[in-house]
């Protein structure tokens, strides 16, 4: 008696590679919101690589709140987070149900997706690299006598200095074009 029930087995590496190639071919020319894959919601604006475009490496913009269809491998790239990656939270979430999640988008701050910023350490002694100012070397000088340049007003030129400039006729450097019509109101 032949076994009519088939066993479900995971894909082999060759079968997975074939499936990935077929998905890529089926998705060429489609936007991230219409291609084959699982539905995810973007939590921040994303640049989603185009499938099958390994030469030009073009991407499509997916705005926060939009649906994007990703393969498992593409989704893993956007879900990465931790110390080595820089992101502290995943930037996509899987949609559930026919209409997706009704939860509002979480508010992600720039520090959640760019990682922590640390002040660079001072350069080692003897190097030519720029180093921070030593304590007490910088100070703010306050003028108490009130003689700041801004308080004295504009400098005026003597009329005799400007006489030559005022007598010369201006050389036209561009020809004015007459108006074609009056303004429409």
N, C-alpha and C. Protein backbone atom coordinates (compact mmCIF):
# COMPACT_ATOMS: atom_id res chain seq x y z
N UNK A 1 0.85 -1.17 0.00
CA UNK A 1 0.00 0.00 0.00
C UNK A 1 0.89 1.23 0.00
N UNK A 2 0.66 2.14 -0.92
CA UNK A 2 1.47 3.34 -1.06
C UNK A 2 1.04 4.36 0.00
N UNK A 3 2.02 5.07 0.50
CA UNK A 3 1.75 6.09 1.52
C UNK A 3 1.25 7.35 0.82
N UNK A 4 -0.03 7.68 1.00
CA UNK A 4 -0.59 8.83 0.31
C UNK A 4 -0.34 10.13 1.07
N UNK A 5 -0.12 10.04 2.36
CA UNK A 5 0.16 11.25 3.15
C UNK A 5 1.63 11.62 2.98
N UNK A 6 1.89 12.84 2.69
CA UNK A 6 3.26 13.29 2.53
C UNK A 6 3.74 13.91 3.83
N UNK A 7 4.98 13.65 4.13
CA UNK A 7 5.57 14.22 5.33
C UNK A 7 6.04 15.64 5.01
N UNK A 8 5.86 16.54 5.98
CA UNK A 8 6.37 17.89 5.79
C UNK A 8 7.78 17.95 6.33
N UNK A 9 8.67 18.37 5.47
CA UNK A 9 10.07 18.48 5.84
C UNK A 9 10.54 19.90 5.55
N UNK A 10 11.51 20.37 6.31
CA UNK A 10 12.05 21.69 6.00
C UNK A 10 12.76 21.68 4.65
N UNK A 11 12.85 22.85 4.05
CA UNK A 11 13.52 22.97 2.76
C UNK A 11 15.01 22.71 2.90
N UNK A 12 15.55 22.08 1.91
CA UNK A 12 17.00 21.90 1.88
C UNK A 12 17.63 23.21 1.43
N UNK A 13 18.92 23.30 1.53
CA UNK A 13 19.62 24.53 1.14
C UNK A 13 19.40 24.82 -0.34
N UNK A 14 19.43 23.81 -1.18
CA UNK A 14 19.21 24.00 -2.61
C UNK A 14 17.79 24.45 -2.91
N UNK A 15 16.81 23.83 -2.22
CA UNK A 15 15.43 24.23 -2.42
C UNK A 15 15.19 25.66 -1.95
N UNK A 16 15.82 26.04 -0.84
CA UNK A 16 15.67 27.41 -0.32
C UNK A 16 16.27 28.42 -1.29
N UNK A 17 17.42 28.09 -1.88
CA UNK A 17 18.05 28.99 -2.85
C UNK A 17 17.16 29.14 -4.08
N UNK A 18 16.55 28.04 -4.55
CA UNK A 18 15.64 28.10 -5.69
C UNK A 18 14.42 28.95 -5.37
N UNK A 19 13.86 28.77 -4.16
CA UNK A 19 12.71 29.55 -3.75
C UNK A 19 13.05 31.04 -3.69
N UNK A 20 14.22 31.37 -3.15
CA UNK A 20 14.64 32.78 -3.08
C UNK A 20 14.77 33.38 -4.48
N UNK A 21 15.33 32.62 -5.41
CA UNK A 21 15.47 33.12 -6.79
C UNK A 21 14.10 33.34 -7.43
N UNK A 22 13.15 32.41 -7.19
CA UNK A 22 11.81 32.56 -7.75
C UNK A 22 11.09 33.76 -7.14
N UNK A 23 11.24 33.97 -5.83
CA UNK A 23 10.63 35.12 -5.19
C UNK A 23 11.20 36.42 -5.75
N UNK A 24 12.50 36.43 -5.98
CA UNK A 24 13.14 37.61 -6.53
C UNK A 24 12.61 37.90 -7.93
N UNK A 25 12.51 36.87 -8.75
CA UNK A 25 12.01 37.06 -10.11
C UNK A 25 10.56 37.49 -10.12
N UNK A 26 9.75 36.96 -9.18
CA UNK A 26 8.33 37.31 -9.13
C UNK A 26 8.13 38.74 -8.62
N UNK A 27 9.10 39.27 -7.88
CA UNK A 27 8.95 40.60 -7.27
C UNK A 27 9.62 41.71 -8.04
N UNK A 28 10.29 41.41 -9.14
CA UNK A 28 10.98 42.45 -9.90
C UNK A 28 9.95 43.43 -10.44
N UNK A 29 10.20 44.71 -10.22
CA UNK A 29 9.32 45.76 -10.71
C UNK A 29 8.14 46.04 -9.79
N UNK A 30 8.03 45.34 -8.67
CA UNK A 30 6.92 45.59 -7.76
C UNK A 30 7.40 46.42 -6.58
N UNK A 31 6.50 47.19 -6.02
CA UNK A 31 6.82 48.02 -4.87
C UNK A 31 6.82 47.18 -3.60
N UNK A 32 7.43 47.68 -2.53
CA UNK A 32 7.44 46.91 -1.27
C UNK A 32 6.04 46.61 -0.73
N UNK A 33 5.03 47.38 -1.11
CA UNK A 33 3.69 47.14 -0.64
C UNK A 33 2.90 46.16 -1.48
N UNK A 34 3.46 45.69 -2.61
CA UNK A 34 2.72 44.78 -3.49
C UNK A 34 3.49 43.50 -3.80
N UNK A 35 4.66 43.32 -3.29
CA UNK A 35 5.43 42.13 -3.64
C UNK A 35 5.11 40.96 -2.72
N UNK A 36 5.69 39.82 -2.99
CA UNK A 36 5.43 38.59 -2.25
C UNK A 36 6.19 38.61 -0.94
N UNK A 37 5.56 38.14 0.12
CA UNK A 37 6.21 38.04 1.42
C UNK A 37 5.21 38.20 2.54
N UNK A 38 5.72 38.21 3.77
CA UNK A 38 4.89 38.41 4.94
C UNK A 38 4.67 39.91 5.15
N UNK A 39 3.49 40.26 5.67
CA UNK A 39 3.15 41.67 5.87
C UNK A 39 3.76 42.18 7.17
N UNK A 40 4.45 43.32 7.08
CA UNK A 40 5.03 44.00 8.23
C UNK A 40 4.64 45.47 8.16
N UNK A 41 4.66 46.13 9.30
CA UNK A 41 4.39 47.56 9.37
C UNK A 41 5.68 48.28 9.73
N UNK A 42 6.00 49.33 8.99
CA UNK A 42 7.21 50.11 9.25
C UNK A 42 6.95 51.04 10.43
N UNK A 43 7.86 51.04 11.41
CA UNK A 43 7.73 51.91 12.58
C UNK A 43 8.42 53.25 12.37
N UNK A 44 9.36 53.29 11.43
CA UNK A 44 10.06 54.52 11.05
C UNK A 44 10.18 54.50 9.53
N UNK A 45 10.53 55.60 8.89
CA UNK A 45 10.79 55.55 7.44
C UNK A 45 11.96 54.60 7.14
N UNK A 46 11.75 53.71 6.18
CA UNK A 46 12.75 52.69 5.84
C UNK A 46 13.15 52.79 4.37
N UNK A 47 14.39 52.42 4.09
CA UNK A 47 14.84 52.22 2.72
C UNK A 47 14.90 50.72 2.49
N UNK A 48 13.95 50.21 1.72
CA UNK A 48 13.84 48.77 1.48
C UNK A 48 14.53 48.45 0.17
N UNK A 49 15.54 47.58 0.20
CA UNK A 49 16.25 47.24 -1.05
C UNK A 49 15.31 46.56 -2.05
N UNK A 50 15.51 46.89 -3.32
CA UNK A 50 14.71 46.25 -4.38
C UNK A 50 15.23 44.84 -4.59
N UNK A 51 14.32 43.94 -4.77
CA UNK A 51 14.70 42.54 -5.02
C UNK A 51 15.23 42.40 -6.43
N UNK A 52 16.30 41.65 -6.57
CA UNK A 52 16.88 41.40 -7.88
C UNK A 52 17.75 42.52 -8.41
N UNK A 53 17.99 43.55 -7.61
CA UNK A 53 18.79 44.69 -8.06
C UNK A 53 20.10 44.70 -7.30
N UNK A 54 20.92 43.68 -7.53
CA UNK A 54 22.20 43.61 -6.82
C UNK A 54 23.25 44.49 -7.47
N UNK A 55 23.03 44.90 -8.72
CA UNK A 55 24.03 45.71 -9.41
C UNK A 55 23.95 47.18 -8.99
N UNK A 56 22.76 47.79 -9.07
CA UNK A 56 22.61 49.21 -8.77
C UNK A 56 22.33 49.49 -7.30
N UNK A 57 21.85 48.50 -6.57
CA UNK A 57 21.53 48.62 -5.14
C UNK A 57 20.55 49.76 -4.88
N UNK A 58 19.47 49.80 -5.66
CA UNK A 58 18.44 50.81 -5.47
C UNK A 58 17.50 50.39 -4.35
N UNK A 59 16.86 51.38 -3.73
CA UNK A 59 15.94 51.11 -2.64
C UNK A 59 14.64 51.87 -2.86
N UNK A 60 13.61 51.43 -2.16
CA UNK A 60 12.32 52.11 -2.17
C UNK A 60 12.06 52.65 -0.78
N UNK A 61 11.44 53.82 -0.70
CA UNK A 61 11.12 54.45 0.57
C UNK A 61 9.78 53.93 1.07
N UNK A 62 9.75 53.45 2.30
CA UNK A 62 8.52 53.03 2.97
C UNK A 62 8.39 53.93 4.19
N UNK A 63 7.29 54.69 4.26
CA UNK A 63 7.08 55.62 5.35
C UNK A 63 6.55 54.91 6.59
N UNK A 64 6.68 55.55 7.74
CA UNK A 64 6.20 54.98 8.99
C UNK A 64 4.70 54.75 8.90
N UNK A 65 4.27 53.55 9.31
CA UNK A 65 2.86 53.20 9.28
C UNK A 65 2.45 52.47 8.01
N UNK A 66 3.28 52.46 6.98
CA UNK A 66 2.95 51.76 5.73
C UNK A 66 3.24 50.27 5.86
N UNK A 67 2.55 49.49 5.04
CA UNK A 67 2.75 48.05 5.02
C UNK A 67 3.83 47.71 4.01
N UNK A 68 4.71 46.81 4.39
CA UNK A 68 5.77 46.34 3.51
C UNK A 68 5.79 44.82 3.58
N UNK A 69 6.01 44.17 2.44
CA UNK A 69 6.04 42.72 2.38
C UNK A 69 7.49 42.28 2.27
N UNK A 70 7.91 41.47 3.23
CA UNK A 70 9.32 41.07 3.33
C UNK A 70 9.43 39.55 3.45
N UNK A 71 10.54 39.02 2.94
CA UNK A 71 10.86 37.62 3.20
C UNK A 71 11.41 37.51 4.62
N UNK A 72 11.58 36.29 5.10
CA UNK A 72 12.10 36.11 6.46
C UNK A 72 13.49 36.72 6.62
N UNK A 73 14.34 36.56 5.61
CA UNK A 73 15.70 37.11 5.70
C UNK A 73 15.69 38.64 5.70
N UNK A 74 14.85 39.24 4.84
CA UNK A 74 14.75 40.70 4.81
C UNK A 74 14.22 41.23 6.15
N UNK A 75 13.24 40.52 6.72
CA UNK A 75 12.67 40.95 8.00
C UNK A 75 13.72 40.86 9.11
N UNK A 76 14.56 39.83 9.09
CA UNK A 76 15.61 39.70 10.11
C UNK A 76 16.57 40.88 10.07
N UNK A 77 16.84 41.42 8.88
CA UNK A 77 17.73 42.57 8.77
C UNK A 77 17.14 43.80 9.44
N UNK A 78 15.82 43.99 9.33
CA UNK A 78 15.18 45.15 9.96
C UNK A 78 14.88 44.92 11.44
N UNK A 79 14.81 43.67 11.87
CA UNK A 79 14.54 43.38 13.28
C UNK A 79 15.80 43.34 14.13
N UNK A 80 16.97 43.38 13.48
CA UNK A 80 18.23 43.36 14.24
C UNK A 80 18.29 44.55 15.17
N UNK A 81 18.75 44.31 16.37
CA UNK A 81 18.99 45.40 17.31
C UNK A 81 19.89 44.88 18.40
N UNK A 82 20.58 45.78 19.04
CA UNK A 82 21.50 45.40 20.10
C UNK A 82 22.74 46.26 20.06
N UNK A 83 23.71 45.88 20.86
CA UNK A 83 24.92 46.67 21.00
C UNK A 83 25.73 46.80 19.73
N UNK A 84 25.91 45.73 18.99
CA UNK A 84 26.74 45.77 17.79
C UNK A 84 26.07 46.46 16.62
N UNK A 85 24.75 46.42 16.57
CA UNK A 85 24.02 46.98 15.44
C UNK A 85 23.79 48.47 15.60
N UNK A 86 23.63 48.95 16.82
CA UNK A 86 23.37 50.36 17.04
C UNK A 86 21.91 50.63 17.35
N UNK A 87 20.99 49.91 16.70
CA UNK A 87 19.58 50.11 17.00
C UNK A 87 19.25 49.44 18.33
N UNK A 88 18.37 50.08 19.09
CA UNK A 88 17.98 49.52 20.37
C UNK A 88 16.64 48.79 20.29
N UNK A 89 15.89 49.01 19.22
CA UNK A 89 14.58 48.38 19.03
C UNK A 89 14.43 47.95 17.58
N UNK A 90 13.58 46.93 17.30
CA UNK A 90 13.29 46.60 15.90
C UNK A 90 12.53 47.76 15.24
N UNK A 91 12.68 47.92 13.93
CA UNK A 91 12.04 49.04 13.24
C UNK A 91 10.84 48.60 12.41
N UNK A 92 10.45 47.31 12.50
CA UNK A 92 9.24 46.80 11.86
C UNK A 92 8.50 45.95 12.87
N UNK A 93 7.19 45.76 12.63
CA UNK A 93 6.43 44.80 13.44
C UNK A 93 5.50 44.05 12.50
N UNK A 94 5.32 42.78 12.82
CA UNK A 94 4.52 41.91 11.97
C UNK A 94 3.05 42.26 12.13
N UNK A 95 2.35 42.30 11.00
CA UNK A 95 0.92 42.56 11.03
C UNK A 95 0.20 41.25 11.31
N UNK A 96 -0.85 41.32 12.11
CA UNK A 96 -1.62 40.13 12.40
C UNK A 96 -3.06 40.36 11.99
N UNK A 97 -3.71 39.33 11.47
CA UNK A 97 -5.10 39.45 11.06
C UNK A 97 -5.23 40.04 9.67
N UNK A 98 -6.47 40.10 9.22
CA UNK A 98 -6.73 40.58 7.86
C UNK A 98 -6.43 42.07 7.73
N UNK A 99 -6.78 42.86 8.73
CA UNK A 99 -6.57 44.30 8.66
C UNK A 99 -5.31 44.75 9.36
N UNK A 100 -4.63 43.86 10.01
CA UNK A 100 -3.40 44.22 10.71
C UNK A 100 -3.67 44.72 12.10
N UNK A 101 -2.64 45.16 12.73
CA UNK A 101 -2.71 45.63 14.10
C UNK A 101 -3.35 47.00 14.16
N UNK A 102 -4.20 47.18 15.14
CA UNK A 102 -4.85 48.48 15.34
C UNK A 102 -4.12 49.32 16.38
N UNK A 103 -3.03 48.79 16.91
CA UNK A 103 -2.27 49.52 17.92
C UNK A 103 -1.61 50.73 17.29
N UNK A 104 -1.55 51.85 18.01
CA UNK A 104 -0.84 53.01 17.45
C UNK A 104 0.66 52.73 17.36
N UNK A 105 1.30 53.40 16.44
CA UNK A 105 2.75 53.23 16.28
C UNK A 105 3.46 53.74 17.52
N UNK A 106 4.45 52.99 18.00
CA UNK A 106 5.22 53.51 19.13
C UNK A 106 6.06 54.70 18.68
N UNK A 107 6.28 55.62 19.59
CA UNK A 107 7.09 56.79 19.26
C UNK A 107 8.56 56.42 19.44
N UNK A 108 9.28 56.33 18.34
CA UNK A 108 10.70 56.01 18.38
C UNK A 108 11.50 57.28 18.24
N UNK A 109 12.39 57.51 19.15
CA UNK A 109 13.26 58.68 19.11
C UNK A 109 14.52 58.34 18.31
N UNK A 110 15.22 59.34 17.82
CA UNK A 110 16.44 59.07 17.05
C UNK A 110 17.45 58.22 17.81
N UNK A 111 17.53 58.38 19.11
CA UNK A 111 18.51 57.59 19.87
C UNK A 111 18.16 56.10 19.87
N UNK A 112 16.88 55.76 19.60
CA UNK A 112 16.49 54.36 19.56
C UNK A 112 17.02 53.65 18.32
N UNK A 113 17.24 54.39 17.24
CA UNK A 113 17.66 53.75 16.00
C UNK A 113 19.08 54.09 15.58
N UNK A 114 19.72 55.02 16.26
CA UNK A 114 21.08 55.36 15.86
C UNK A 114 22.12 54.91 16.86
N UNK A 115 21.70 54.39 17.97
CA UNK A 115 22.66 53.94 18.97
C UNK A 115 23.11 55.07 19.87
N UNK A 116 23.84 54.71 20.88
CA UNK A 116 24.32 55.69 21.84
C UNK A 116 25.52 56.43 21.28
N UNK A 117 25.63 57.70 21.64
CA UNK A 117 26.76 58.51 21.21
C UNK A 117 27.69 58.71 22.39
N UNK A 118 28.94 58.48 22.17
CA UNK A 118 29.94 58.64 23.22
C UNK A 118 30.97 59.66 22.76
N UNK A 119 31.46 60.45 23.70
CA UNK A 119 32.50 61.41 23.40
C UNK A 119 33.78 60.62 23.09
N UNK A 120 34.49 60.99 22.04
CA UNK A 120 35.71 60.25 21.73
C UNK A 120 36.76 60.46 22.82
N UNK A 121 37.60 59.46 23.04
CA UNK A 121 38.64 59.63 24.05
C UNK A 121 39.69 60.62 23.57
N UNK A 122 40.39 61.28 24.50
CA UNK A 122 41.43 62.22 24.08
C UNK A 122 42.56 61.46 23.38
N UNK A 123 43.22 62.12 22.43
CA UNK A 123 44.30 61.43 21.73
C UNK A 123 45.48 61.16 22.67
N UNK A 124 46.28 60.18 22.34
CA UNK A 124 47.43 59.87 23.21
C UNK A 124 48.45 61.00 23.21
N UNK A 125 49.20 61.15 24.28
CA UNK A 125 50.21 62.21 24.32
C UNK A 125 51.24 62.03 23.21
N UNK A 126 51.64 63.14 22.64
CA UNK A 126 52.66 63.11 21.59
C UNK A 126 52.09 63.00 20.19
N UNK A 127 50.78 62.81 20.03
CA UNK A 127 50.21 62.70 18.68
C UNK A 127 49.85 64.09 18.18
N UNK A 128 49.68 64.21 16.86
CA UNK A 128 49.33 65.49 16.25
C UNK A 128 47.81 65.69 16.14
N UNK A 129 47.04 64.76 16.66
CA UNK A 129 45.58 64.85 16.57
C UNK A 129 45.07 66.01 17.43
N UNK A 130 43.97 66.64 17.01
CA UNK A 130 43.43 67.74 17.81
C UNK A 130 42.97 67.23 19.17
N UNK A 131 43.17 68.00 20.16
CA UNK A 131 42.79 67.61 21.52
C UNK A 131 41.93 68.70 22.13
N UNK A 132 41.11 68.36 23.12
CA UNK A 132 40.24 69.37 23.74
C UNK A 132 41.05 70.41 24.50
N UNK A 133 40.44 71.58 24.69
CA UNK A 133 41.10 72.66 25.43
C UNK A 133 41.31 72.23 26.87
N UNK A 134 42.47 72.55 27.44
CA UNK A 134 42.68 72.25 28.86
C UNK A 134 41.77 73.12 29.73
N UNK A 135 41.52 72.67 30.95
CA UNK A 135 40.68 73.41 31.88
C UNK A 135 41.23 74.81 32.09
N UNK A 136 40.35 75.80 32.03
CA UNK A 136 40.74 77.18 32.30
C UNK A 136 41.36 77.91 31.13
N UNK A 137 41.57 77.26 29.99
CA UNK A 137 42.21 77.94 28.87
C UNK A 137 41.23 78.80 28.09
N UNK A 138 39.97 78.46 28.11
CA UNK A 138 38.96 79.24 27.40
C UNK A 138 38.17 80.05 28.41
N UNK A 139 37.86 81.28 28.04
CA UNK A 139 37.07 82.10 28.94
C UNK A 139 36.28 83.10 28.12
N UNK A 140 35.25 83.63 28.73
CA UNK A 140 34.41 84.63 28.10
C UNK A 140 34.82 85.98 28.64
N UNK A 141 35.10 86.93 27.74
CA UNK A 141 35.51 88.26 28.15
C UNK A 141 34.31 89.19 28.05
N UNK A 142 34.04 89.92 29.13
CA UNK A 142 32.92 90.85 29.17
C UNK A 142 33.49 92.25 29.21
N UNK A 143 33.06 93.09 28.25
CA UNK A 143 33.52 94.47 28.21
C UNK A 143 32.58 95.31 29.07
N UNK A 144 33.11 95.90 30.12
CA UNK A 144 32.29 96.68 31.04
C UNK A 144 32.13 98.13 30.59
N UNK A 145 33.04 98.61 29.73
CA UNK A 145 32.96 100.03 29.36
C UNK A 145 31.90 100.30 28.29
N UNK A 146 31.30 99.26 27.71
CA UNK A 146 30.22 99.45 26.76
C UNK A 146 30.66 99.92 25.40
N UNK A 147 31.90 99.73 25.02
CA UNK A 147 32.38 100.21 23.73
C UNK A 147 32.40 99.09 22.70
N UNK A 148 31.35 98.34 22.62
CA UNK A 148 31.27 97.29 21.60
C UNK A 148 31.04 97.94 20.25
N UNK A 149 31.54 97.37 19.16
CA UNK A 149 31.37 97.98 17.84
C UNK A 149 29.92 98.18 17.45
N UNK A 150 29.02 97.36 17.95
CA UNK A 150 27.62 97.47 17.57
C UNK A 150 26.95 98.71 18.14
N UNK A 151 27.51 99.29 19.20
CA UNK A 151 26.86 100.42 19.85
C UNK A 151 27.19 101.76 19.21
N UNK A 152 28.18 101.82 18.34
CA UNK A 152 28.61 103.10 17.78
C UNK A 152 27.87 103.50 16.52
N UNK A 153 27.07 102.66 15.95
CA UNK A 153 26.34 103.04 14.75
C UNK A 153 27.11 102.73 13.49
N UNK A 154 26.51 103.08 12.36
CA UNK A 154 27.11 102.77 11.07
C UNK A 154 28.22 103.76 10.75
N UNK A 155 29.21 103.29 10.04
CA UNK A 155 30.30 104.17 9.61
C UNK A 155 29.84 104.88 8.35
N UNK A 156 30.03 106.17 8.33
CA UNK A 156 29.63 106.94 7.14
C UNK A 156 30.87 107.41 6.41
N UNK A 157 30.76 107.42 5.11
CA UNK A 157 31.88 107.89 4.29
C UNK A 157 31.72 109.38 4.06
N UNK A 158 32.81 110.04 3.89
CA UNK A 158 32.80 111.48 3.59
C UNK A 158 32.24 111.68 2.18
N UNK A 159 31.47 112.76 1.96
CA UNK A 159 30.93 113.00 0.61
C UNK A 159 32.02 113.14 -0.44
N UNK A 160 33.18 113.65 -0.08
CA UNK A 160 34.27 113.83 -1.05
C UNK A 160 34.78 112.47 -1.54
N UNK A 161 34.75 111.48 -0.68
CA UNK A 161 35.22 110.14 -1.08
C UNK A 161 34.28 109.49 -2.08
N UNK A 162 32.99 109.80 -1.99
CA UNK A 162 32.00 109.18 -2.85
C UNK A 162 31.71 109.99 -4.10
N UNK A 163 32.30 111.18 -4.25
CA UNK A 163 31.97 112.07 -5.36
C UNK A 163 32.24 111.42 -6.71
N UNK A 164 33.36 110.72 -6.87
CA UNK A 164 33.68 110.10 -8.15
C UNK A 164 32.66 109.02 -8.51
N UNK A 165 32.24 108.29 -7.52
CA UNK A 165 31.28 107.21 -7.79
C UNK A 165 29.91 107.76 -8.15
N UNK A 166 29.57 108.91 -7.58
CA UNK A 166 28.26 109.49 -7.86
C UNK A 166 28.21 110.16 -9.22
N UNK A 167 29.33 110.66 -9.73
CA UNK A 167 29.37 111.33 -11.03
C UNK A 167 29.36 110.35 -12.19
N UNK A 168 29.97 109.18 -12.00
CA UNK A 168 30.04 108.21 -13.09
C UNK A 168 28.64 107.70 -13.43
N UNK A 169 28.42 107.51 -14.73
CA UNK A 169 27.15 106.91 -15.14
C UNK A 169 27.29 105.39 -15.05
N UNK A 170 26.23 104.79 -14.69
CA UNK A 170 26.24 103.33 -14.54
C UNK A 170 26.30 102.68 -15.91
N UNK A 171 27.15 101.70 -16.05
CA UNK A 171 27.26 100.95 -17.30
C UNK A 171 26.22 99.84 -17.24
N UNK A 172 25.34 99.78 -18.24
CA UNK A 172 24.32 98.72 -18.19
C UNK A 172 25.00 97.36 -18.38
N UNK A 173 24.68 96.44 -17.51
CA UNK A 173 25.28 95.11 -17.62
C UNK A 173 24.26 94.08 -18.10
N UNK A 174 23.00 94.46 -18.13
CA UNK A 174 21.97 93.57 -18.66
C UNK A 174 20.89 94.44 -19.29
N UNK A 175 20.31 93.96 -20.33
CA UNK A 175 19.29 94.71 -21.03
C UNK A 175 17.95 94.36 -20.39
N UNK A 176 17.20 95.39 -20.01
CA UNK A 176 15.89 95.15 -19.44
C UNK A 176 14.91 94.80 -20.54
N UNK A 177 14.08 93.83 -20.28
CA UNK A 177 13.06 93.43 -21.24
C UNK A 177 11.76 94.11 -20.87
N UNK A 178 11.06 94.67 -21.84
CA UNK A 178 9.78 95.30 -21.52
C UNK A 178 8.76 94.23 -21.14
N UNK A 179 7.81 94.56 -20.26
CA UNK A 179 6.80 93.57 -19.88
C UNK A 179 5.91 93.23 -21.07
N UNK A 180 5.49 91.98 -21.13
CA UNK A 180 4.63 91.53 -22.23
C UNK A 180 3.18 91.95 -22.01
N UNK A 181 2.70 91.76 -20.78
CA UNK A 181 1.32 92.11 -20.46
C UNK A 181 1.27 92.58 -19.03
N UNK A 182 0.18 93.19 -18.69
CA UNK A 182 -0.03 93.57 -17.30
C UNK A 182 -0.36 92.33 -16.46
N UNK A 183 -0.28 92.48 -15.19
CA UNK A 183 -0.59 91.36 -14.30
C UNK A 183 -2.06 90.99 -14.35
N UNK A 184 -2.33 89.71 -14.27
CA UNK A 184 -3.72 89.23 -14.20
C UNK A 184 -4.17 89.31 -12.75
N UNK A 185 -5.37 89.82 -12.56
CA UNK A 185 -5.86 89.96 -11.18
C UNK A 185 -6.94 88.98 -10.90
